[in-house]
PDB file of N, CA and C in Angstrom:
ATOM      1  N   UNK A   1     102.098  90.951  73.989  1.00  0.00           N
ATOM      2  CA  UNK A   1     101.200  91.840  73.290  1.00  0.00           C
ATOM      3  C   UNK A   1     101.994  92.977  72.691  1.00  0.00           C
ATOM      4  N   UNK A   2     101.709  93.316  71.479  1.00  0.00           N
ATOM      5  CA  UNK A   2     102.279  94.511  70.883  1.00  0.00           C
ATOM      6  C   UNK A   2     101.482  95.695  71.390  1.00  0.00           C
ATOM      7  N   UNK A   3     102.134  96.833  71.479  1.00  0.00           N
ATOM      8  CA  UNK A   3     101.452  98.041  71.948  1.00  0.00           C
ATOM      9  C   UNK A   3     100.651  98.645  70.810  1.00  0.00           C
ATOM     10  N   UNK A   4      99.520  98.082  70.538  1.00  0.00           N
ATOM     11  CA  UNK A   4      98.619  98.556  69.504  1.00  0.00           C
ATOM     12  C   UNK A   4      97.314  97.797  69.622  1.00  0.00           C
ATOM     13  N   UNK A   5      96.330  98.171  68.842  1.00  0.00           N
ATOM     14  CA  UNK A   5      95.033  97.501  68.920  1.00  0.00           C
ATOM     15  C   UNK A   5      95.161  96.007  68.623  1.00  0.00           C
ATOM     16  N   UNK A   6      94.375  95.228  69.304  1.00  0.00           N
ATOM     17  CA  UNK A   6      94.382  93.781  69.115  1.00  0.00           C
ATOM     18  C   UNK A   6      93.425  93.387  68.000  1.00  0.00           C
ATOM     19  N   UNK A   7      93.769  92.315  67.323  1.00  0.00           N
ATOM     20  CA  UNK A   7      92.815  91.759  66.371  1.00  0.00           C
ATOM     21  C   UNK A   7      91.928  90.772  67.119  1.00  0.00           C
ATOM     22  N   UNK A   8      90.804  90.413  66.517  1.00  0.00           N
ATOM     23  CA  UNK A   8      89.794  89.617  67.234  1.00  0.00           C
ATOM     24  C   UNK A   8      90.357  88.318  67.801  1.00  0.00           C
ATOM     25  N   UNK A   9      91.206  87.604  67.071  1.00  0.00           N
ATOM     26  CA  UNK A   9      91.739  86.345  67.590  1.00  0.00           C
ATOM     27  C   UNK A   9      92.656  86.580  68.777  1.00  0.00           C
ATOM     28  N   UNK A  10      93.369  87.696  68.798  1.00  0.00           N
ATOM     29  CA  UNK A  10      94.204  88.004  69.948  1.00  0.00           C
ATOM     30  C   UNK A  10      93.346  88.302  71.166  1.00  0.00           C
ATOM     31  N   UNK A  11      92.257  89.014  70.971  1.00  0.00           N
ATOM     32  CA  UNK A  11      91.374  89.347  72.091  1.00  0.00           C
ATOM     33  C   UNK A  11      90.836  88.071  72.726  1.00  0.00           C
ATOM     34  N   UNK A  12      90.401  87.111  71.922  1.00  0.00           N
ATOM     35  CA  UNK A  12      89.910  85.843  72.457  1.00  0.00           C
ATOM     36  C   UNK A  12      90.982  85.159  73.292  1.00  0.00           C
ATOM     37  N   UNK A  13      92.213  85.126  72.786  1.00  0.00           N
ATOM     38  CA  UNK A  13      93.311  84.478  73.502  1.00  0.00           C
ATOM     39  C   UNK A  13      93.605  85.214  74.806  1.00  0.00           C
ATOM     40  N   UNK A  14      93.667  86.542  74.781  1.00  0.00           N
ATOM     41  CA  UNK A  14      93.982  87.300  75.988  1.00  0.00           C
ATOM     42  C   UNK A  14      92.898  87.146  77.043  1.00  0.00           C
ATOM     43  N   UNK A  15      91.635  87.067  76.649  1.00  0.00           N
ATOM     44  CA  UNK A  15      90.558  86.906  77.623  1.00  0.00           C
ATOM     45  C   UNK A  15      90.621  85.555  78.313  1.00  0.00           C
ATOM     46  N   UNK A  16      91.129  84.533  77.648  1.00  0.00           N
ATOM     47  CA  UNK A  16      91.140  83.190  78.242  1.00  0.00           C
ATOM     48  C   UNK A  16      92.438  82.855  78.953  1.00  0.00           C
ATOM     49  N   UNK A  17      93.455  83.710  78.864  1.00  0.00           N
ATOM     50  CA  UNK A  17      94.739  83.377  79.467  1.00  0.00           C
ATOM     51  C   UNK A  17      95.074  84.268  80.662  1.00  0.00           C
ATOM     52  N   UNK A  18      94.075  84.858  81.281  1.00  0.00           N
ATOM     53  CA  UNK A  18      94.301  85.727  82.431  1.00  0.00           C
ATOM     54  C   UNK A  18      94.769  84.889  83.613  1.00  0.00           C
ATOM     55  N   UNK A  19      95.447  85.367  84.599  1.00  0.00           N
ATOM     56  CA  UNK A  19      96.020  86.709  84.630  1.00  0.00           C
ATOM     57  C   UNK A  19      97.357  86.737  83.900  1.00  0.00           C
ATOM     58  N   UNK A  20      97.738  87.891  83.465  1.00  0.00           N
ATOM     59  CA  UNK A  20      99.028  88.077  82.815  1.00  0.00           C
ATOM     60  C   UNK A  20      99.599  89.418  83.249  1.00  0.00           C
ATOM     61  N   UNK A  21     100.886  89.501  83.189  1.00  0.00           N
ATOM     62  CA  UNK A  21     101.579  90.730  83.593  1.00  0.00           C
ATOM     63  C   UNK A  21     101.198  91.874  82.654  1.00  0.00           C
ATOM     64  N   UNK A  22     101.065  93.052  83.219  1.00  0.00           N
ATOM     65  CA  UNK A  22     100.767  94.228  82.411  1.00  0.00           C
ATOM     66  C   UNK A  22     101.946  94.559  81.503  1.00  0.00           C
ATOM     67  N   UNK A  23     101.649  94.818  80.248  1.00  0.00           N
ATOM     68  CA  UNK A  23     102.665  95.249  79.296  1.00  0.00           C
ATOM     69  C   UNK A  23     103.017  96.704  79.567  1.00  0.00           C
ATOM     70  N   UNK A  24     104.182  97.103  79.104  1.00  0.00           N
ATOM     71  CA  UNK A  24     104.651  98.473  79.280  1.00  0.00           C
ATOM     72  C   UNK A  24     103.620  99.493  78.776  1.00  0.00           C
ATOM     73  N   UNK A  25     103.074  99.265  77.579  1.00  0.00           N
ATOM     74  CA  UNK A  25     102.125 100.222  77.009  1.00  0.00           C
ATOM     75  C   UNK A  25     100.835 100.288  77.825  1.00  0.00           C
ATOM     76  N   UNK A  26     100.399  99.164  78.397  1.00  0.00           N
ATOM     77  CA  UNK A  26      99.199  99.149  79.230  1.00  0.00           C
ATOM     78  C   UNK A  26      99.433  99.928  80.525  1.00  0.00           C
ATOM     79  N   UNK A  27     100.603  99.743  81.119  1.00  0.00           N
ATOM     80  CA  UNK A  27     100.954 100.457  82.345  1.00  0.00           C
ATOM     81  C   UNK A  27     101.017 101.952  82.077  1.00  0.00           C
ATOM     82  N   UNK A  28     101.604 102.334  80.952  1.00  0.00           N
ATOM     83  CA  UNK A  28     101.706 103.760  80.604  1.00  0.00           C
ATOM     84  C   UNK A  28     100.315 104.347  80.350  1.00  0.00           C
ATOM     85  N   UNK A  29      99.425 103.582  79.742  1.00  0.00           N
ATOM     86  CA  UNK A  29      98.056 104.058  79.519  1.00  0.00           C
ATOM     87  C   UNK A  29      97.342 104.257  80.852  1.00  0.00           C
ATOM     88  N   UNK A  30      97.521 103.343  81.788  1.00  0.00           N
ATOM     89  CA  UNK A  30      96.914 103.496  83.114  1.00  0.00           C
ATOM     90  C   UNK A  30      97.528 104.681  83.861  1.00  0.00           C
ATOM     91  N   UNK A  31      98.814 104.936  83.655  1.00  0.00           N
ATOM     92  CA  UNK A  31      99.454 106.104  84.263  1.00  0.00           C
ATOM     93  C   UNK A  31      98.845 107.385  83.689  1.00  0.00           C
ATOM     94  N   UNK A  32      98.596 107.400  82.387  1.00  0.00           N
ATOM     95  CA  UNK A  32      97.955 108.558  81.762  1.00  0.00           C
ATOM     96  C   UNK A  32      96.588 108.809  82.398  1.00  0.00           C
ATOM     97  N   UNK A  33      95.818 107.753  82.581  1.00  0.00           N
ATOM     98  CA  UNK A  33      94.497 107.894  83.188  1.00  0.00           C
ATOM     99  C   UNK A  33      94.620 108.379  84.634  1.00  0.00           C
ATOM    100  N   UNK A  34      95.583 107.840  85.387  1.00  0.00           N
ATOM    101  CA  UNK A  34      95.777 108.276  86.772  1.00  0.00           C
ATOM    102  C   UNK A  34      96.149 109.757  86.838  1.00  0.00           C
ATOM    103  N   UNK A  35      96.965 110.200  85.903  1.00  0.00           N
ATOM    104  CA  UNK A  35      97.417 111.592  85.906  1.00  0.00           C
ATOM    105  C   UNK A  35      96.366 112.561  85.381  1.00  0.00           C
ATOM    106  N   UNK A  36      95.672 112.178  84.302  1.00  0.00           N
ATOM    107  CA  UNK A  36      94.828 113.134  83.584  1.00  0.00           C
ATOM    108  C   UNK A  36      93.348 112.762  83.529  1.00  0.00           C
ATOM    109  N   UNK A  37      92.992 111.608  84.072  1.00  0.00           N
ATOM    110  CA  UNK A  37      91.603 111.186  84.076  1.00  0.00           C
ATOM    111  C   UNK A  37      91.176 110.590  82.748  1.00  0.00           C
ATOM    112  N   UNK A  38      89.896 110.284  82.655  1.00  0.00           N
ATOM    113  CA  UNK A  38      89.325 109.714  81.433  1.00  0.00           C
ATOM    114  C   UNK A  38      88.547 110.803  80.708  1.00  0.00           C
ATOM    115  N   UNK A  39      88.343 110.594  79.415  1.00  0.00           N
ATOM    116  CA  UNK A  39      87.551 111.536  78.625  1.00  0.00           C
ATOM    117  C   UNK A  39      86.812 110.755  77.544  1.00  0.00           C
ATOM    118  N   UNK A  40      86.279 111.435  76.568  1.00  0.00           N
ATOM    119  CA  UNK A  40      85.500 110.776  75.529  1.00  0.00           C
ATOM    120  C   UNK A  40      86.290 109.809  74.668  1.00  0.00           C
ATOM    121  N   UNK A  41      87.601 109.975  74.604  1.00  0.00           N
ATOM    122  CA  UNK A  41      88.443 109.106  73.779  1.00  0.00           C
ATOM    123  C   UNK A  41      89.231 108.119  74.624  1.00  0.00           C
ATOM    124  N   UNK A  42      89.878 108.615  75.665  1.00  0.00           N
ATOM    125  CA  UNK A  42      90.663 107.756  76.556  1.00  0.00           C
ATOM    126  C   UNK A  42      89.763 107.368  77.721  1.00  0.00           C
ATOM    127  N   UNK A  43      89.256 106.140  77.657  1.00  0.00           N
ATOM    128  CA  UNK A  43      88.331 105.653  78.688  1.00  0.00           C
ATOM    129  C   UNK A  43      88.676 104.211  79.033  1.00  0.00           C
ATOM    130  N   UNK A  44      88.128 103.738  80.118  1.00  0.00           N
ATOM    131  CA  UNK A  44      88.347 102.341  80.499  1.00  0.00           C
ATOM    132  C   UNK A  44      87.726 101.404  79.471  1.00  0.00           C
ATOM    133  N   UNK A  45      86.571 101.784  78.913  1.00  0.00           N
ATOM    134  CA  UNK A  45      85.946 100.953  77.878  1.00  0.00           C
ATOM    135  C   UNK A  45      86.877 100.804  76.680  1.00  0.00           C
ATOM    136  N   UNK A  46      87.423 101.922  76.209  1.00  0.00           N
ATOM    137  CA  UNK A  46      88.307 101.893  75.043  1.00  0.00           C
ATOM    138  C   UNK A  46      89.583 101.117  75.340  1.00  0.00           C
ATOM    139  N   UNK A  47      90.142 101.319  76.524  1.00  0.00           N
ATOM    140  CA  UNK A  47      91.365 100.612  76.900  1.00  0.00           C
ATOM    141  C   UNK A  47      91.113  99.115  77.045  1.00  0.00           C
ATOM    142  N   UNK A  48      89.980  98.744  77.610  1.00  0.00           N
ATOM    143  CA  UNK A  48      89.636  97.328  77.740  1.00  0.00           C
ATOM    144  C   UNK A  48      89.498  96.679  76.366  1.00  0.00           C
ATOM    145  N   UNK A  49      88.865  97.362  75.445  1.00  0.00           N
ATOM    146  CA  UNK A  49      88.702  96.840  74.094  1.00  0.00           C
ATOM    147  C   UNK A  49      90.052  96.688  73.394  1.00  0.00           C
ATOM    148  N   UNK A  50      90.935  97.665  73.572  1.00  0.00           N
ATOM    149  CA  UNK A  50      92.236  97.640  72.902  1.00  0.00           C
ATOM    150  C   UNK A  50      93.189  96.607  73.484  1.00  0.00           C
ATOM    151  N   UNK A  51      93.067  96.330  74.785  1.00  0.00           N
ATOM    152  CA  UNK A  51      94.041  95.454  75.445  1.00  0.00           C
ATOM    153  C   UNK A  51      93.523  94.049  75.719  1.00  0.00           C
ATOM    154  N   UNK A  52      92.203  93.894  75.729  1.00  0.00           N
ATOM    155  CA  UNK A  52      91.643  92.597  76.090  1.00  0.00           C
ATOM    156  C   UNK A  52      91.557  92.382  77.588  1.00  0.00           C
ATOM    157  N   UNK A  53      91.840  93.397  78.370  1.00  0.00           N
ATOM    158  CA  UNK A  53      91.732  93.298  79.829  1.00  0.00           C
ATOM    159  C   UNK A  53      90.347  93.748  80.277  1.00  0.00           C
ATOM    160  N   UNK A  54      89.950  93.303  81.439  1.00  0.00           N
ATOM    161  CA  UNK A  54      88.664  93.736  81.977  1.00  0.00           C
ATOM    162  C   UNK A  54      88.769  95.184  82.459  1.00  0.00           C
ATOM    163  N   UNK A  55      87.645  95.885  82.420  1.00  0.00           N
ATOM    164  CA  UNK A  55      87.620  97.255  82.934  1.00  0.00           C
ATOM    165  C   UNK A  55      87.978  97.275  84.417  1.00  0.00           C
ATOM    166  N   UNK A  56      87.537  96.275  85.161  1.00  0.00           N
ATOM    167  CA  UNK A  56      87.841  96.229  86.596  1.00  0.00           C
ATOM    168  C   UNK A  56      89.342  96.124  86.845  1.00  0.00           C
ATOM    169  N   UNK A  57      90.020  95.285  86.084  1.00  0.00           N
ATOM    170  CA  UNK A  57      91.462  95.124  86.230  1.00  0.00           C
ATOM    171  C   UNK A  57      92.181  96.429  85.895  1.00  0.00           C
ATOM    172  N   UNK A  58      91.790  97.059  84.798  1.00  0.00           N
ATOM    173  CA  UNK A  58      92.396  98.325  84.399  1.00  0.00           C
ATOM    174  C   UNK A  58      92.123  99.424  85.420  1.00  0.00           C
ATOM    175  N   UNK A  59      90.905  99.454  85.951  1.00  0.00           N
ATOM    176  CA  UNK A  59      90.528 100.437  86.956  1.00  0.00           C
ATOM    177  C   UNK A  59      91.392 100.288  88.207  1.00  0.00           C
ATOM    178  N   UNK A  60      91.581  99.065  88.668  1.00  0.00           N
ATOM    179  CA  UNK A  60      92.409  98.829  89.854  1.00  0.00           C
ATOM    180  C   UNK A  60      93.859  99.216  89.594  1.00  0.00           C
ATOM    181  N   UNK A  61      94.363  98.893  88.407  1.00  0.00           N
ATOM    182  CA  UNK A  61      95.739  99.254  88.055  1.00  0.00           C
ATOM    183  C   UNK A  61      95.894 100.777  88.076  1.00  0.00           C
ATOM    184  N   UNK A  62      94.951 101.492  87.454  1.00  0.00           N
ATOM    185  CA  UNK A  62      95.019 102.955  87.419  1.00  0.00           C
ATOM    186  C   UNK A  62      94.910 103.535  88.829  1.00  0.00           C
ATOM    187  N   UNK A  63      94.053 102.965  89.678  1.00  0.00           N
ATOM    188  CA  UNK A  63      93.908 103.454  91.055  1.00  0.00           C
ATOM    189  C   UNK A  63      95.176 103.218  91.876  1.00  0.00           C
ATOM    190  N   UNK A  64      95.806 102.063  91.690  1.00  0.00           N
ATOM    191  CA  UNK A  64      97.059 101.786  92.400  1.00  0.00           C
ATOM    192  C   UNK A  64      98.162 102.732  91.926  1.00  0.00           C
ATOM    193  N   UNK A  65      98.206 102.999  90.619  1.00  0.00           N
ATOM    194  CA  UNK A  65      99.181 103.939  90.080  1.00  0.00           C
ATOM    195  C   UNK A  65      98.903 105.340  90.629  1.00  0.00           C
ATOM    196  N   UNK A  66      97.630 105.730  90.679  1.00  0.00           N
ATOM    197  CA  UNK A  66      97.264 107.046  91.228  1.00  0.00           C
ATOM    198  C   UNK A  66      97.733 107.178  92.677  1.00  0.00           C
ATOM    199  N   UNK A  67      97.573 106.131  93.453  1.00  0.00           N
ATOM    200  CA  UNK A  67      98.031 106.153  94.846  1.00  0.00           C
ATOM    201  C   UNK A  67      99.528 106.428  94.916  1.00  0.00           C
ATOM    202  N   UNK A  68     100.301 105.699  94.118  1.00  0.00           N
ATOM    203  CA  UNK A  68     101.753 105.862  94.141  1.00  0.00           C
ATOM    204  C   UNK A  68     102.171 107.236  93.625  1.00  0.00           C
ATOM    205  N   UNK A  69     101.539 107.697  92.556  1.00  0.00           N
ATOM    206  CA  UNK A  69     101.855 109.023  92.030  1.00  0.00           C
ATOM    207  C   UNK A  69     101.568 110.102  93.074  1.00  0.00           C
ATOM    208  N   UNK A  70     100.421 109.993  93.740  1.00  0.00           N
ATOM    209  CA  UNK A  70     100.057 110.950  94.780  1.00  0.00           C
ATOM    210  C   UNK A  70     101.078 110.926  95.913  1.00  0.00           C
ATOM    211  N   UNK A  71     101.492 109.746  96.292  1.00  0.00           N
ATOM    212  CA  UNK A  71     102.467 109.607  97.379  1.00  0.00           C
ATOM    213  C   UNK A  71     103.801 110.264  97.016  1.00  0.00           C
ATOM    214  N   UNK A  72     104.124 110.261  95.720  1.00  0.00           N
ATOM    215  CA  UNK A  72     105.373 110.886  95.256  1.00  0.00           C
ATOM    216  C   UNK A  72     105.201 112.370  94.928  1.00  0.00           C
ATOM    217  N   UNK A  73     103.990 112.915  95.141  1.00  0.00           N
ATOM    218  CA  UNK A  73     103.781 114.342  94.984  1.00  0.00           C
ATOM    219  C   UNK A  73     103.231 114.781  93.636  1.00  0.00           C
ATOM    220  N   UNK A  74     102.880 113.847  92.776  1.00  0.00           N
ATOM    221  CA  UNK A  74     102.278 114.204  91.492  1.00  0.00           C
ATOM    222  C   UNK A  74     100.795 114.539  91.692  1.00  0.00           C
ATOM    223  N   UNK A  75     100.291 115.441  90.872  1.00  0.00           N
ATOM    224  CA  UNK A  75      98.864 115.758  90.881  1.00  0.00           C
ATOM    225  C   UNK A  75      98.159 114.660  90.093  1.00  0.00           C
ATOM    226  N   UNK A  76      97.117 114.088  90.682  1.00  0.00           N
ATOM    227  CA  UNK A  76      96.380 113.014  90.016  1.00  0.00           C
ATOM    228  C   UNK A  76      94.951 113.457  89.739  1.00  0.00           C
ATOM    229  N   UNK A  77      94.336 112.804  88.776  1.00  0.00           N
ATOM    230  CA  UNK A  77      92.954 113.109  88.410  1.00  0.00           C
ATOM    231  C   UNK A  77      92.138 111.831  88.275  1.00  0.00           C
ATOM    232  N   UNK A  78      92.394 110.902  89.187  1.00  0.00           N
ATOM    233  CA  UNK A  78      91.682 109.631  89.193  1.00  0.00           C
ATOM    234  C   UNK A  78      91.661 109.156  90.641  1.00  0.00           C
ATOM    235  N   UNK A  79      90.616 108.453  91.050  1.00  0.00           N
ATOM    236  CA  UNK A  79      90.575 107.962  92.440  1.00  0.00           C
ATOM    237  C   UNK A  79      91.777 107.067  92.732  1.00  0.00           C
ATOM    238  N   UNK A  80      92.262 107.141  93.942  1.00  0.00           N
ATOM    239  CA  UNK A  80      93.421 106.322  94.299  1.00  0.00           C
ATOM    240  C   UNK A  80      93.013 105.196  95.237  1.00  0.00           C
ATOM    241  N   UNK A  81      93.793 104.136  95.190  1.00  0.00           N
ATOM    242  CA  UNK A  81      93.546 102.969  96.020  1.00  0.00           C
ATOM    243  C   UNK A  81      94.891 102.336  96.347  1.00  0.00           C
ATOM    244  N   UNK A  82      95.143 102.139  97.612  1.00  0.00           N
ATOM    245  CA  UNK A  82      96.388 101.499  98.026  1.00  0.00           C
ATOM    246  C   UNK A  82      96.304 100.010  97.713  1.00  0.00           C
ATOM    247  N   UNK A  83      97.350  99.480  97.108  1.00  0.00           N
ATOM    248  CA  UNK A  83      97.358  98.090  96.687  1.00  0.00           C
ATOM    249  C   UNK A  83      97.697  97.089  97.771  1.00  0.00           C
ATOM    250  N   UNK A  84      97.709  97.504  99.018  1.00  0.00           N
ATOM    251  CA  UNK A  84      98.049  96.623 100.131  1.00  0.00           C
ATOM    252  C   UNK A  84      97.139  96.900 101.312  1.00  0.00           C
ATOM    253  N   UNK A  85      97.099  95.950 102.227  1.00  0.00           N
ATOM    254  CA  UNK A  85      96.330  96.136 103.448  1.00  0.00           C
ATOM    255  C   UNK A  85      97.039  97.064 104.420  1.00  0.00           C
ATOM    256  N   UNK A  86      96.307  97.544 105.411  1.00  0.00           N
ATOM    257  CA  UNK A  86      96.877  98.441 106.411  1.00  0.00           C
ATOM    258  C   UNK A  86      98.037  97.755 107.117  1.00  0.00           C
ATOM    259  N   UNK A  87      99.146  98.467 107.223  1.00  0.00           N
ATOM    260  CA  UNK A  87     100.320  97.920 107.890  1.00  0.00           C
ATOM    261  C   UNK A  87     101.301  97.240 106.950  1.00  0.00           C
ATOM    262  N   UNK A  88     100.863  96.885 105.746  1.00  0.00           N
ATOM    263  CA  UNK A  88     101.760  96.270 104.768  1.00  0.00           C
ATOM    264  C   UNK A  88     102.538  97.351 104.031  1.00  0.00           C
ATOM    265  N   UNK A  89     103.697  96.984 103.519  1.00  0.00           N
ATOM    266  CA  UNK A  89     104.484  97.927 102.727  1.00  0.00           C
ATOM    267  C   UNK A  89     103.772  98.219 101.415  1.00  0.00           C
ATOM    268  N   UNK A  90     103.989  99.445 100.908  1.00  0.00           N
ATOM    269  CA  UNK A  90     103.398  99.817  99.625  1.00  0.00           C
ATOM    270  C   UNK A  90     104.005  98.989  98.499  1.00  0.00           C
ATOM    271  N   UNK A  91     103.193  98.756  97.467  1.00  0.00           N
ATOM    272  CA  UNK A  91     103.664  98.073  96.259  1.00  0.00           C
ATOM    273  C   UNK A  91     104.056  99.139  95.242  1.00  0.00           C
ATOM    274  N   UNK A  92     105.183  98.963  94.639  1.00  0.00           N
ATOM    275  CA  UNK A  92     105.667  99.910  93.634  1.00  0.00           C
ATOM    276  C   UNK A  92     105.870  99.197  92.308  1.00  0.00           C
ATOM    277  N   UNK A  93     104.953  98.306  91.971  1.00  0.00           N
ATOM    278  CA  UNK A  93     105.041  97.525  90.743  1.00  0.00           C
ATOM    279  C   UNK A  93     105.136  98.450  89.541  1.00  0.00           C
ATOM    280  N   UNK A  94     106.116  98.214  88.699  1.00  0.00           N
ATOM    281  CA  UNK A  94     106.320  98.973  87.459  1.00  0.00           C
ATOM    282  C   UNK A  94     106.546 100.463  87.698  1.00  0.00           C
ATOM    283  N   UNK A  95     107.070 100.831  88.876  1.00  0.00           N
ATOM    284  CA  UNK A  95     107.253 102.245  89.169  1.00  0.00           C
ATOM    285  C   UNK A  95     108.163 102.926  88.152  1.00  0.00           C
ATOM    286  N   UNK A  96     109.182 102.238  87.667  1.00  0.00           N
ATOM    287  CA  UNK A  96     110.074 102.849  86.681  1.00  0.00           C
ATOM    288  C   UNK A  96     109.300 103.264  85.429  1.00  0.00           C
ATOM    289  N   UNK A  97     108.365 102.447  84.998  1.00  0.00           N
ATOM    290  CA  UNK A  97     107.546 102.754  83.826  1.00  0.00           C
ATOM    291  C   UNK A  97     106.593 103.904  84.141  1.00  0.00           C
ATOM    292  N   UNK A  98     105.979 103.867  85.315  1.00  0.00           N
ATOM    293  CA  UNK A  98     105.024 104.900  85.722  1.00  0.00           C
ATOM    294  C   UNK A  98     105.725 106.255  85.850  1.00  0.00           C
ATOM    295  N   UNK A  99     106.863 106.275  86.504  1.00  0.00           N
ATOM    296  CA  UNK A  99     107.575 107.537  86.700  1.00  0.00           C
ATOM    297  C   UNK A  99     108.038 108.123  85.365  1.00  0.00           C
ATOM    298  N   UNK A 100     108.489 107.270  84.484  1.00  0.00           N
ATOM    299  CA  UNK A 100     108.887 107.723  83.146  1.00  0.00           C
ATOM    300  C   UNK A 100     107.694 108.361  82.420  1.00  0.00           C
ATOM    301  N   UNK A 101     106.534 107.737  82.526  1.00  0.00           N
ATOM    302  CA  UNK A 101     105.317 108.278  81.902  1.00  0.00           C
ATOM    303  C   UNK A 101     104.934 109.614  82.543  1.00  0.00           C
ATOM    304  N   UNK A 102     105.063 109.720  83.857  1.00  0.00           N
ATOM    305  CA  UNK A 102     104.694 110.948  84.562  1.00  0.00           C
ATOM    306  C   UNK A 102     105.603 112.113  84.193  1.00  0.00           C
ATOM    307  N   UNK A 103     106.826 111.821  83.834  1.00  0.00           N
ATOM    308  CA  UNK A 103     107.780 112.875  83.460  1.00  0.00           C
ATOM    309  C   UNK A 103     107.639 113.298  82.004  1.00  0.00           C
ATOM    310  N   UNK A 104     106.940 112.490  81.230  1.00  0.00           N
ATOM    311  CA  UNK A 104     106.729 112.804  79.820  1.00  0.00           C
ATOM    312  C   UNK A 104     105.654 113.891  79.698  1.00  0.00           C
ATOM    313  N   UNK A 105     105.681 114.657  78.621  1.00  0.00           N
ATOM    314  CA  UNK A 105     104.650 115.679  78.446  1.00  0.00           C
ATOM    315  C   UNK A 105     103.286 115.013  78.290  1.00  0.00           C
ATOM    316  N   UNK A 106     102.267 115.729  78.723  1.00  0.00           N
ATOM    317  CA  UNK A 106     100.902 115.218  78.617  1.00  0.00           C
ATOM    318  C   UNK A 106     100.571 114.891  77.159  1.00  0.00           C
ATOM    319  N   UNK A 107     100.965 115.756  76.250  1.00  0.00           N
ATOM    320  CA  UNK A 107     100.651 115.575  74.827  1.00  0.00           C
ATOM    321  C   UNK A 107     101.324 114.323  74.254  1.00  0.00           C
ATOM    322  N   UNK A 108     102.599 114.118  74.583  1.00  0.00           N
ATOM    323  CA  UNK A 108     103.323 112.952  74.065  1.00  0.00           C
ATOM    324  C   UNK A 108     102.750 111.649  74.632  1.00  0.00           C
ATOM    325  N   UNK A 109     102.434 111.644  75.928  1.00  0.00           N
ATOM    326  CA  UNK A 109     101.862 110.439  76.544  1.00  0.00           C
ATOM    327  C   UNK A 109     100.482 110.159  75.970  1.00  0.00           C
ATOM    328  N   UNK A 110      99.688 111.190  75.792  1.00  0.00           N
ATOM    329  CA  UNK A 110      98.355 111.011  75.208  1.00  0.00           C
ATOM    330  C   UNK A 110      98.455 110.447  73.785  1.00  0.00           C
ATOM    331  N   UNK A 111      99.387 110.949  72.996  1.00  0.00           N
ATOM    332  CA  UNK A 111      99.568 110.449  71.630  1.00  0.00           C
ATOM    333  C   UNK A 111      99.907 108.959  71.644  1.00  0.00           C
ATOM    334  N   UNK A 112     100.720 108.538  72.601  1.00  0.00           N
ATOM    335  CA  UNK A 112     101.070 107.125  72.745  1.00  0.00           C
ATOM    336  C   UNK A 112      99.833 106.283  73.092  1.00  0.00           C
ATOM    337  N   UNK A 113      99.024 106.795  74.002  1.00  0.00           N
ATOM    338  CA  UNK A 113      97.809 106.083  74.405  1.00  0.00           C
ATOM    339  C   UNK A 113      96.831 106.007  73.228  1.00  0.00           C
ATOM    340  N   UNK A 114      96.698 107.072  72.472  1.00  0.00           N
ATOM    341  CA  UNK A 114      95.799 107.071  71.308  1.00  0.00           C
ATOM    342  C   UNK A 114      96.256 106.067  70.260  1.00  0.00           C
ATOM    343  N   UNK A 115      97.563 105.892  70.106  1.00  0.00           N
ATOM    344  CA  UNK A 115      98.073 104.860  69.182  1.00  0.00           C
ATOM    345  C   UNK A 115      97.679 103.474  69.699  1.00  0.00           C
ATOM    346  N   UNK A 116      97.805 103.246  70.996  1.00  0.00           N
ATOM    347  CA  UNK A 116      97.396 101.969  71.578  1.00  0.00           C
ATOM    348  C   UNK A 116      95.923 101.698  71.333  1.00  0.00           C
ATOM    349  N   UNK A 117      95.119 102.751  71.431  1.00  0.00           N
ATOM    350  CA  UNK A 117      93.678 102.611  71.243  1.00  0.00           C
ATOM    351  C   UNK A 117      93.290 102.512  69.765  1.00  0.00           C
ATOM    352  N   UNK A 118      94.250 102.768  68.893  1.00  0.00           N
ATOM    353  CA  UNK A 118      93.984 102.659  67.462  1.00  0.00           C
ATOM    354  C   UNK A 118      93.261 103.860  66.875  1.00  0.00           C
ATOM    355  N   UNK A 119      93.373 105.015  67.531  1.00  0.00           N
ATOM    356  CA  UNK A 119      92.696 106.219  67.035  1.00  0.00           C
ATOM    357  C   UNK A 119      93.678 107.302  66.605  1.00  0.00           C
ATOM    358  N   UNK A 120      94.949 106.995  66.577  1.00  0.00           N
ATOM    359  CA  UNK A 120      95.939 107.997  66.139  1.00  0.00           C
ATOM    360  C   UNK A 120      96.735 107.464  64.972  1.00  0.00           C
TER     361      UNK A 120
END
């Protein structure tokens, strides 16, 4: 997937080929939501439409990212959910991408997410 809005034929293909690994831009968008929450423009509905992923999948990804960010001491603005059962080791999937996004300015990360959503 390119990091930008999908055309209708791509959306059909992405909906029928699940599951698939999260793209860098999708992970960064979920990190933005974990850090800063959702608003009238950056929402799970908008992200689902832009990526072809289900809102539930995106919500779980953002919650898992929020858990990891919180564990590393970042302030989060989204509910967190541990991606493993009690007693299991934490999952740090795509942590390099998440940490890079967390270190970026809020404005720059938001601009990237808005481009993905096709509104910038």
